[in-house]
N, C-alpha and C. Protein backbone atom coordinates (compact mmCIF):
# COMPACT_ATOMS: atom_id res chain seq x y z
N MET A 1 1.27 -1.25 0.04
CA MET A 1 0.03 0.00 -0.48
C MET A 1 0.99 1.35 -0.16
N ILE A 2 -0.09 2.11 -0.89
CA ILE A 2 0.91 3.38 -1.13
C ILE A 2 0.81 3.84 0.57
N GLU A 3 2.27 5.34 0.95
CA GLU A 3 1.89 5.75 2.04
C GLU A 3 1.22 7.21 1.51
N ARG A 4 -0.02 7.99 2.09
CA ARG A 4 0.22 8.85 1.74
C ARG A 4 1.49 10.07 2.70
N ARG A 5 1.26 11.18 1.64
CA ARG A 5 2.11 11.90 2.25
C ARG A 5 1.57 12.87 3.67
N ARG A 6 2.29 13.69 4.19
CA ARG A 6 1.47 14.48 4.42
C ARG A 6 1.14 16.24 4.39
N THR A 7 -0.60 16.57 3.99
CA THR A 7 -0.31 17.65 3.43
C THR A 7 -1.78 18.40 4.03
N ARG A 8 -0.88 19.91 3.64
CA ARG A 8 -1.94 20.68 4.84
C ARG A 8 -3.13 21.06 3.35
N PRO A 9 -4.65 20.60 3.78
CA PRO A 9 -5.73 20.72 4.26
C PRO A 9 -5.94 21.47 2.93
N ILE A 10 -6.46 21.96 2.37
CA ILE A 10 -7.31 22.89 1.88
C ILE A 10 -9.24 22.70 0.92
N LYS A 11 -9.79 24.24 1.20
CA LYS A 11 -10.87 23.45 0.62
C LYS A 11 -11.45 23.99 -0.67
N VAL A 12 -12.41 22.97 -0.98
CA VAL A 12 -12.80 23.70 -2.71
C VAL A 12 -14.36 23.48 -2.60
N GLY A 13 -14.97 24.91 -1.94
CA GLY A 13 -16.43 24.63 -1.86
C GLY A 13 -16.14 23.81 -0.42
N SER A 14 -17.23 22.85 -0.25
CA SER A 14 -16.63 22.59 0.63
C SER A 14 -16.68 20.99 0.71
N VAL A 15 -15.79 20.87 -0.20
CA VAL A 15 -14.96 19.27 -0.04
C VAL A 15 -13.17 19.77 0.42
N VAL A 16 -12.89 19.02 0.74
CA VAL A 16 -11.72 19.08 1.41
C VAL A 16 -10.91 18.12 0.82
N ILE A 17 -9.21 19.06 0.67
CA ILE A 17 -8.47 18.06 -0.33
C ILE A 17 -6.96 17.80 0.16
N GLY A 18 -6.53 16.85 0.05
CA GLY A 18 -5.41 16.90 1.67
C GLY A 18 -5.53 17.07 2.86
N GLY A 19 -4.72 16.46 3.84
CA GLY A 19 -4.28 16.30 5.54
C GLY A 19 -4.98 15.12 5.44
N ALA A 20 -6.37 14.34 6.89
CA ALA A 20 -6.44 13.38 5.83
C ALA A 20 -7.59 13.54 5.96
N ALA A 21 -8.03 13.70 4.98
CA ALA A 21 -9.24 13.56 3.97
C ALA A 21 -9.22 13.34 3.51
N PRO A 22 -10.53 12.19 3.10
CA PRO A 22 -10.87 11.22 2.02
C PRO A 22 -10.61 10.99 0.97
N ILE A 23 -9.79 10.81 -0.51
CA ILE A 23 -9.21 11.49 -1.81
C ILE A 23 -10.71 11.70 -2.52
N SER A 24 -10.41 12.40 -2.69
CA SER A 24 -11.86 13.74 -3.95
C SER A 24 -11.44 12.68 -5.03
N VAL A 25 -12.84 12.39 -5.56
CA VAL A 25 -12.93 12.41 -7.25
C VAL A 25 -12.89 14.33 -8.20
N GLN A 26 -11.94 14.14 -9.16
CA GLN A 26 -12.33 15.04 -9.89
C GLN A 26 -12.33 14.48 -11.47
N THR A 27 -12.74 15.45 -12.07
CA THR A 27 -12.89 15.35 -13.26
C THR A 27 -13.74 16.27 -14.58
N MET A 28 -13.80 16.69 -14.84
CA MET A 28 -14.14 17.47 -16.10
C MET A 28 -14.95 18.06 -17.63
N THR A 29 -16.09 18.36 -17.68
CA THR A 29 -17.02 18.40 -18.49
C THR A 29 -16.59 18.33 -20.12
N LYS A 30 -16.77 17.87 -20.36
CA LYS A 30 -17.07 17.96 -22.20
C LYS A 30 -17.66 18.65 -22.83
N THR A 31 -18.88 19.58 -22.65
CA THR A 31 -19.60 20.66 -22.64
C THR A 31 -18.42 21.51 -22.93
N PRO A 32 -18.90 22.36 -23.89
CA PRO A 32 -18.68 23.50 -24.12
C PRO A 32 -19.27 24.56 -22.89
N THR A 33 -18.21 24.96 -22.52
CA THR A 33 -18.83 26.14 -20.83
C THR A 33 -20.78 27.10 -21.60
N GLU A 34 -19.63 27.69 -22.70
CA GLU A 34 -20.84 28.59 -23.13
C GLU A 34 -22.60 28.42 -22.87
N ASP A 35 -22.39 27.01 -22.68
CA ASP A 35 -23.69 25.97 -22.96
C ASP A 35 -23.51 25.64 -21.46
N ALA A 36 -24.48 26.37 -21.25
CA ALA A 36 -24.66 26.32 -19.54
C ALA A 36 -25.49 25.40 -19.27
N ARG A 37 -26.95 25.21 -19.93
CA ARG A 37 -28.07 23.85 -19.38
C ARG A 37 -27.14 22.25 -19.63
N ALA A 38 -26.75 22.47 -20.90
CA ALA A 38 -25.62 21.11 -20.92
C ALA A 38 -24.76 21.12 -19.96
N THR A 39 -24.03 21.33 -20.45
CA THR A 39 -22.78 21.48 -18.78
C THR A 39 -23.36 21.43 -17.27
N LEU A 40 -24.00 22.18 -16.47
CA LEU A 40 -25.52 21.97 -16.12
C LEU A 40 -25.56 20.27 -15.98
N GLU A 41 -26.00 19.78 -17.51
CA GLU A 41 -26.36 18.06 -16.58
C GLU A 41 -25.36 17.37 -16.94
N GLN A 42 -24.16 18.73 -17.64
CA GLN A 42 -23.21 16.84 -17.81
C GLN A 42 -22.71 17.37 -15.63
N ILE A 43 -22.53 17.39 -15.33
CA ILE A 43 -22.43 18.35 -13.83
C ILE A 43 -22.98 17.40 -13.51
N SER A 44 -24.20 17.47 -12.96
CA SER A 44 -25.31 16.60 -12.58
C SER A 44 -24.95 14.89 -12.52
N ARG A 45 -24.71 14.14 -13.78
CA ARG A 45 -24.79 12.94 -14.33
C ARG A 45 -22.99 12.56 -13.12
N ALA A 46 -22.67 13.82 -13.74
CA ALA A 46 -20.88 13.33 -12.71
C ALA A 46 -20.78 13.46 -11.35
N ALA A 47 -21.81 14.24 -10.36
CA ALA A 47 -22.45 14.27 -9.36
C ALA A 47 -22.10 12.93 -9.26
N ASP A 48 -24.08 12.67 -9.81
CA ASP A 48 -24.59 11.32 -9.22
C ASP A 48 -23.49 9.94 -9.15
N ALA A 49 -22.79 9.90 -10.40
CA ALA A 49 -21.87 8.88 -10.69
C ALA A 49 -20.36 8.92 -10.04
N GLY A 50 -20.80 9.92 -8.93
CA GLY A 50 -19.17 9.90 -7.52
C GLY A 50 -18.17 11.02 -7.46
N ALA A 51 -18.52 11.80 -8.69
CA ALA A 51 -17.25 13.18 -8.17
C ALA A 51 -17.85 13.98 -7.78
N ASP A 52 -16.66 14.70 -6.64
CA ASP A 52 -17.20 15.47 -5.90
C ASP A 52 -16.57 17.10 -6.30
N ILE A 53 -16.00 17.00 -7.24
CA ILE A 53 -15.34 18.13 -7.21
C ILE A 53 -15.25 18.47 -9.16
N ILE A 54 -15.86 19.40 -9.76
CA ILE A 54 -16.15 19.35 -11.61
C ILE A 54 -15.10 20.60 -12.26
N ARG A 55 -14.47 20.13 -12.38
CA ARG A 55 -13.96 21.00 -14.18
C ARG A 55 -14.01 21.94 -14.93
N VAL A 56 -14.52 22.65 -15.41
CA VAL A 56 -14.96 23.26 -16.46
C VAL A 56 -13.88 24.57 -17.65
N THR A 57 -13.96 24.54 -18.60
CA THR A 57 -12.90 25.17 -19.37
C THR A 57 -13.44 26.39 -19.39
N CYS A 58 -12.80 27.87 -19.25
CA CYS A 58 -12.47 29.11 -19.31
C CYS A 58 -12.31 29.07 -20.68
N ASP A 59 -12.36 29.57 -21.35
CA ASP A 59 -11.19 29.65 -22.53
C ASP A 59 -11.98 31.04 -23.40
N THR A 60 -13.16 31.27 -23.46
CA THR A 60 -13.79 32.42 -23.79
C THR A 60 -14.32 33.54 -22.82
N GLU A 61 -15.19 34.97 -23.86
CA GLU A 61 -15.71 35.58 -22.78
C GLU A 61 -17.10 35.29 -22.47
N GLU A 62 -17.72 34.98 -23.11
CA GLU A 62 -18.76 33.92 -23.63
C GLU A 62 -18.85 32.92 -22.22
N ALA A 63 -17.53 31.40 -22.29
CA ALA A 63 -17.87 30.48 -21.36
C ALA A 63 -17.86 31.13 -19.57
N GLY A 64 -17.06 32.80 -20.20
CA GLY A 64 -16.70 33.62 -18.43
C GLY A 64 -17.77 33.86 -18.43
N GLU A 65 -19.49 33.78 -18.97
CA GLU A 65 -20.90 34.72 -18.53
C GLU A 65 -21.45 33.84 -17.84
N SER A 66 -20.77 32.28 -18.57
CA SER A 66 -21.85 31.68 -18.50
C SER A 66 -21.78 30.38 -16.81
N LEU A 67 -19.94 31.04 -16.46
CA LEU A 67 -19.50 30.49 -15.62
C LEU A 67 -20.40 30.97 -14.05
N LYS A 68 -21.62 32.01 -14.83
CA LYS A 68 -22.55 33.06 -13.27
C LYS A 68 -23.53 31.42 -13.69
N GLU A 69 -24.33 31.56 -14.47
CA GLU A 69 -24.97 30.52 -14.19
C GLU A 69 -25.17 28.91 -13.41
N ILE A 70 -23.98 28.46 -14.69
CA ILE A 70 -22.64 27.20 -13.98
C ILE A 70 -22.84 27.13 -13.10
N VAL A 71 -22.56 28.49 -11.74
CA VAL A 71 -22.00 28.12 -10.34
C VAL A 71 -23.10 27.71 -9.40
N LYS A 72 -24.43 28.30 -9.58
CA LYS A 72 -25.32 28.96 -8.70
C LYS A 72 -26.47 27.93 -9.40
N GLY A 73 -25.69 26.53 -9.98
CA GLY A 73 -27.90 25.79 -10.38
C GLY A 73 -25.70 24.13 -10.05
N SER A 74 -24.54 24.42 -9.79
CA SER A 74 -23.78 23.49 -9.14
C SER A 74 -24.70 22.92 -8.53
N ARG A 75 -24.11 21.30 -8.22
CA ARG A 75 -24.00 20.85 -7.05
C ARG A 75 -22.46 20.20 -7.26
N LEU A 76 -21.78 20.57 -7.41
CA LEU A 76 -20.35 20.31 -6.66
C LEU A 76 -19.68 21.11 -6.93
N PRO A 77 -18.97 21.89 -6.76
CA PRO A 77 -17.49 22.65 -6.22
C PRO A 77 -17.15 23.08 -8.10
N ILE A 78 -17.30 23.91 -8.39
CA ILE A 78 -16.38 24.05 -9.62
C ILE A 78 -15.28 24.77 -9.91
N VAL A 79 -13.86 24.36 -10.59
CA VAL A 79 -12.95 24.84 -11.01
C VAL A 79 -13.11 24.83 -12.18
N ALA A 80 -12.29 26.84 -12.12
CA ALA A 80 -12.33 26.65 -14.02
C ALA A 80 -10.56 26.57 -14.41
N ASP A 81 -11.05 26.01 -15.54
CA ASP A 81 -9.80 26.13 -15.99
C ASP A 81 -9.69 27.09 -17.46
N ILE A 82 -8.23 27.40 -16.98
CA ILE A 82 -7.63 28.83 -17.52
C ILE A 82 -6.86 28.54 -18.43
N HIS A 83 -6.83 29.18 -19.74
CA HIS A 83 -6.22 29.37 -20.19
C HIS A 83 -5.42 30.38 -21.26
N TYR A 84 -3.91 30.92 -21.06
CA TYR A 84 -3.53 32.40 -21.71
C TYR A 84 -4.33 33.84 -21.48
N ASP A 85 -5.65 33.83 -21.42
CA ASP A 85 -6.24 34.50 -20.96
C ASP A 85 -6.50 34.59 -19.89
N ALA A 86 -5.59 36.20 -18.57
CA ALA A 86 -5.93 36.59 -17.56
C ALA A 86 -7.39 36.80 -17.01
N PRO A 87 -7.65 38.04 -18.02
CA PRO A 87 -8.56 38.72 -17.67
C PRO A 87 -10.08 37.54 -17.30
N LEU A 88 -9.86 36.48 -18.60
CA LEU A 88 -11.33 35.17 -18.30
C LEU A 88 -10.74 34.78 -16.56
N ALA A 89 -9.20 34.66 -16.21
CA ALA A 89 -9.71 34.52 -14.29
C ALA A 89 -10.80 34.95 -13.77
N LEU A 90 -10.08 36.60 -13.99
CA LEU A 90 -10.83 37.91 -12.33
C LEU A 90 -12.94 37.64 -13.22
N MET A 91 -12.53 36.88 -14.01
CA MET A 91 -13.94 37.08 -14.52
C MET A 91 -14.88 35.58 -14.23
N ALA A 92 -13.64 34.74 -13.82
CA ALA A 92 -14.11 33.22 -13.62
C ALA A 92 -14.26 33.05 -11.51
N LEU A 93 -13.60 34.13 -11.86
CA LEU A 93 -14.10 34.52 -9.75
C LEU A 93 -15.03 35.65 -9.80
N ASP A 94 -14.79 35.98 -10.69
CA ASP A 94 -16.73 37.33 -10.09
C ASP A 94 -17.42 36.58 -10.50
N ALA A 95 -17.60 35.33 -11.09
CA ALA A 95 -19.12 34.22 -11.49
C ALA A 95 -19.09 33.57 -10.15
N GLY A 96 -18.08 33.35 -8.79
CA GLY A 96 -18.02 32.60 -7.87
C GLY A 96 -17.82 31.34 -8.07
N ILE A 97 -16.07 31.39 -8.52
CA ILE A 97 -16.04 29.23 -9.07
C ILE A 97 -15.08 29.74 -7.30
N GLN A 98 -15.04 28.21 -7.24
CA GLN A 98 -13.82 28.27 -6.43
C GLN A 98 -13.44 27.81 -6.18
N CYS A 99 -12.73 27.99 -7.36
CA CYS A 99 -11.06 26.63 -7.21
C CYS A 99 -10.37 27.25 -8.50
N LEU A 100 -9.36 27.30 -8.69
CA LEU A 100 -9.16 28.64 -10.03
C LEU A 100 -7.91 27.07 -10.36
N ARG A 101 -8.08 26.73 -11.55
CA ARG A 101 -7.13 25.79 -12.48
C ARG A 101 -5.63 26.95 -13.19
N LEU A 102 -4.94 26.81 -12.96
CA LEU A 102 -3.94 28.41 -13.80
C LEU A 102 -2.91 27.46 -14.26
N ASN A 103 -2.11 27.91 -15.46
CA ASN A 103 -0.39 28.06 -15.89
C ASN A 103 -0.28 29.19 -16.12
N PRO A 104 0.70 29.64 -14.76
CA PRO A 104 1.20 30.70 -15.35
C PRO A 104 2.12 30.61 -16.28
N GLY A 105 2.72 29.79 -17.20
CA GLY A 105 3.67 29.36 -18.35
C GLY A 105 2.87 29.79 -19.42
N ASN A 106 1.36 30.06 -19.50
CA ASN A 106 0.50 29.97 -21.21
C ASN A 106 0.32 31.40 -20.92
N ILE A 107 0.15 31.93 -19.17
CA ILE A 107 -0.14 33.79 -19.37
C ILE A 107 0.82 34.50 -19.67
N ARG A 108 2.23 34.25 -19.62
CA ARG A 108 2.77 34.42 -19.49
C ARG A 108 3.79 36.03 -19.49
N GLN A 109 2.57 37.12 -18.12
CA GLN A 109 2.93 38.40 -17.69
C GLN A 109 2.50 37.41 -16.53
N PRO A 110 3.84 38.56 -15.71
CA PRO A 110 4.06 37.92 -13.89
C PRO A 110 3.38 38.50 -13.57
N GLU A 111 3.22 39.58 -14.03
CA GLU A 111 2.46 40.70 -13.08
C GLU A 111 0.21 40.31 -13.31
N LYS A 112 0.57 39.45 -14.02
CA LYS A 112 -0.97 39.97 -14.82
C LYS A 112 -1.39 38.58 -13.63
N VAL A 113 -0.37 37.25 -13.64
CA VAL A 113 -0.54 36.44 -12.53
C VAL A 113 -0.20 36.58 -11.69
N ALA A 114 0.90 37.88 -10.73
CA ALA A 114 -0.05 37.98 -9.40
C ALA A 114 -0.86 39.28 -8.66
N GLU A 115 -1.33 39.38 -10.15
CA GLU A 115 -3.34 40.18 -9.75
C GLU A 115 -4.05 38.53 -9.40
N ILE A 116 -3.68 38.03 -9.97
CA ILE A 116 -4.73 36.65 -10.28
C ILE A 116 -5.04 36.22 -8.44
N ALA A 117 -3.61 35.78 -8.25
CA ALA A 117 -3.38 35.80 -7.25
C ALA A 117 -3.65 36.02 -6.07
N ARG A 118 -3.43 37.89 -6.10
CA ARG A 118 -3.95 38.79 -4.86
C ARG A 118 -5.91 38.41 -5.02
N ARG A 119 -6.53 38.34 -6.06
CA ARG A 119 -7.31 38.07 -6.39
C ARG A 119 -8.03 36.76 -5.67
N CYS A 120 -7.10 36.02 -5.55
CA CYS A 120 -7.58 34.75 -4.97
C CYS A 120 -7.63 34.90 -3.58
N GLN A 121 -7.02 34.92 -3.20
CA GLN A 121 -5.96 35.73 -1.50
C GLN A 121 -7.14 35.83 -1.60
N GLU A 122 -8.00 37.43 -1.38
CA GLU A 122 -8.48 38.36 -1.29
C GLU A 122 -10.18 37.88 -1.08
N LEU A 123 -10.20 36.50 -1.81
CA LEU A 123 -11.17 35.29 -1.85
C LEU A 123 -11.82 34.21 -1.24
N GLY A 124 -9.99 34.04 -0.75
CA GLY A 124 -10.31 32.95 -0.02
C GLY A 124 -10.20 31.67 -1.19
N VAL A 125 -10.00 31.32 -2.54
CA VAL A 125 -10.05 30.63 -3.01
C VAL A 125 -8.97 29.96 -3.71
N PRO A 126 -9.03 28.38 -3.61
CA PRO A 126 -7.71 28.29 -3.69
C PRO A 126 -7.32 27.67 -5.62
N ILE A 127 -5.42 27.69 -5.81
CA ILE A 127 -5.14 28.12 -7.65
C ILE A 127 -4.67 26.47 -7.49
N ARG A 128 -5.37 25.87 -7.90
CA ARG A 128 -4.45 24.72 -9.04
C ARG A 128 -3.48 24.66 -9.68
N ILE A 129 -2.18 24.80 -9.74
CA ILE A 129 -1.00 24.94 -10.76
C ILE A 129 -1.22 23.88 -11.06
N GLY A 130 -1.13 23.81 -12.91
CA GLY A 130 -1.24 23.03 -14.06
C GLY A 130 0.23 23.61 -15.10
N VAL A 131 1.40 22.97 -14.94
CA VAL A 131 1.94 22.93 -15.81
C VAL A 131 1.74 22.31 -16.94
N ASN A 132 2.64 22.05 -18.65
CA ASN A 132 3.01 20.55 -19.26
C ASN A 132 3.76 21.62 -20.08
N ALA A 133 3.99 21.12 -21.04
CA ALA A 133 5.01 21.40 -22.16
C ALA A 133 4.58 22.41 -22.91
N GLY A 134 3.51 22.97 -23.22
CA GLY A 134 3.36 23.68 -23.34
C GLY A 134 3.20 25.30 -23.32
N SER A 135 4.02 24.79 -21.75
CA SER A 135 5.11 26.20 -20.84
C SER A 135 6.21 26.51 -21.23
N LEU A 136 6.28 25.55 -22.51
CA LEU A 136 7.22 25.59 -21.91
C LEU A 136 8.08 26.82 -22.93
N PRO A 137 9.35 27.85 -22.62
CA PRO A 137 9.54 28.51 -24.01
C PRO A 137 9.49 28.19 -25.30
N ASP A 138 10.12 26.88 -25.10
CA ASP A 138 11.34 26.13 -26.13
C ASP A 138 10.35 24.97 -26.26
N ARG A 139 8.56 24.86 -27.48
CA ARG A 139 7.91 23.71 -27.12
C ARG A 139 8.63 22.61 -27.51
N LYS A 140 9.29 22.62 -28.56
CA LYS A 140 11.10 20.99 -28.76
C LYS A 140 11.23 20.82 -27.60
N SER A 141 11.23 21.81 -26.20
CA SER A 141 12.08 21.06 -24.89
C SER A 141 11.23 19.95 -23.84
N HIS A 142 11.54 18.85 -24.18
CA HIS A 142 10.85 18.64 -23.34
C HIS A 142 10.80 17.24 -22.64
N GLU A 143 12.62 17.40 -22.95
CA GLU A 143 13.52 16.99 -21.85
C GLU A 143 14.22 18.19 -21.23
N ARG A 144 14.72 17.74 -20.46
CA ARG A 144 15.98 18.78 -19.02
C ARG A 144 17.25 18.23 -20.19
N GLY A 145 17.46 19.32 -20.51
CA GLY A 145 19.41 19.25 -20.09
C GLY A 145 20.23 20.89 -20.98
N ARG A 146 21.07 20.94 -21.32
CA ARG A 146 21.54 21.73 -20.41
C ARG A 146 21.59 22.87 -21.64
N GLY A 147 20.63 24.40 -20.60
CA GLY A 147 19.95 24.93 -20.60
C GLY A 147 18.77 24.63 -21.77
N GLN A 148 18.01 23.77 -21.28
CA GLN A 148 16.70 23.76 -21.44
C GLN A 148 15.86 24.37 -20.22
N TRP A 149 14.79 24.41 -20.10
CA TRP A 149 13.64 24.52 -18.95
C TRP A 149 12.80 23.60 -18.19
N GLY A 150 12.65 23.44 -17.42
CA GLY A 150 11.32 22.45 -17.57
C GLY A 150 9.81 22.69 -17.14
N PRO A 151 8.78 22.49 -16.88
CA PRO A 151 7.82 23.68 -16.42
C PRO A 151 8.30 23.47 -15.39
N ASP A 152 8.56 23.03 -13.86
CA ASP A 152 8.27 23.32 -12.83
C ASP A 152 8.69 24.30 -13.15
N ASP A 153 10.26 24.54 -13.85
CA ASP A 153 10.48 25.78 -13.75
C ASP A 153 10.32 27.25 -14.44
N VAL A 154 9.72 26.84 -15.48
CA VAL A 154 8.31 28.01 -15.50
C VAL A 154 7.30 28.14 -14.45
N ALA A 155 7.00 27.53 -13.95
CA ALA A 155 5.78 27.99 -12.96
C ALA A 155 6.28 28.98 -11.97
């Protein structure tokens, strides 16, 4: 059996993650977030299947607007997945999301990332940092080597 690492617990909505909390299940919607009705139906099915937290993409202004209705109607805490656009993160926070998934490497403006972090701190909203090869300055740098960066360096 794998031994769990000791971690500091955080809350995503009413769900505690880390510490001695039970492992939670998070899934992501496949619907266009702009379609609030379809997204809420998918969230309901995920909740019925045992999901504890749901992640939705927020990649357009229309998706950001739909988050208001989605947050209001969701049975699960919402994690907004932000791609490239710092103002969408702020829009998602204004909509009332319970967690923000952010890739600081693809926003590429440290002052914007700092603004988002300050706003999250004010609201008590946790940030999930997600980095991947798309975060790297040289997209061909998939392995660390002399002069190459890894995703953790970018974050």
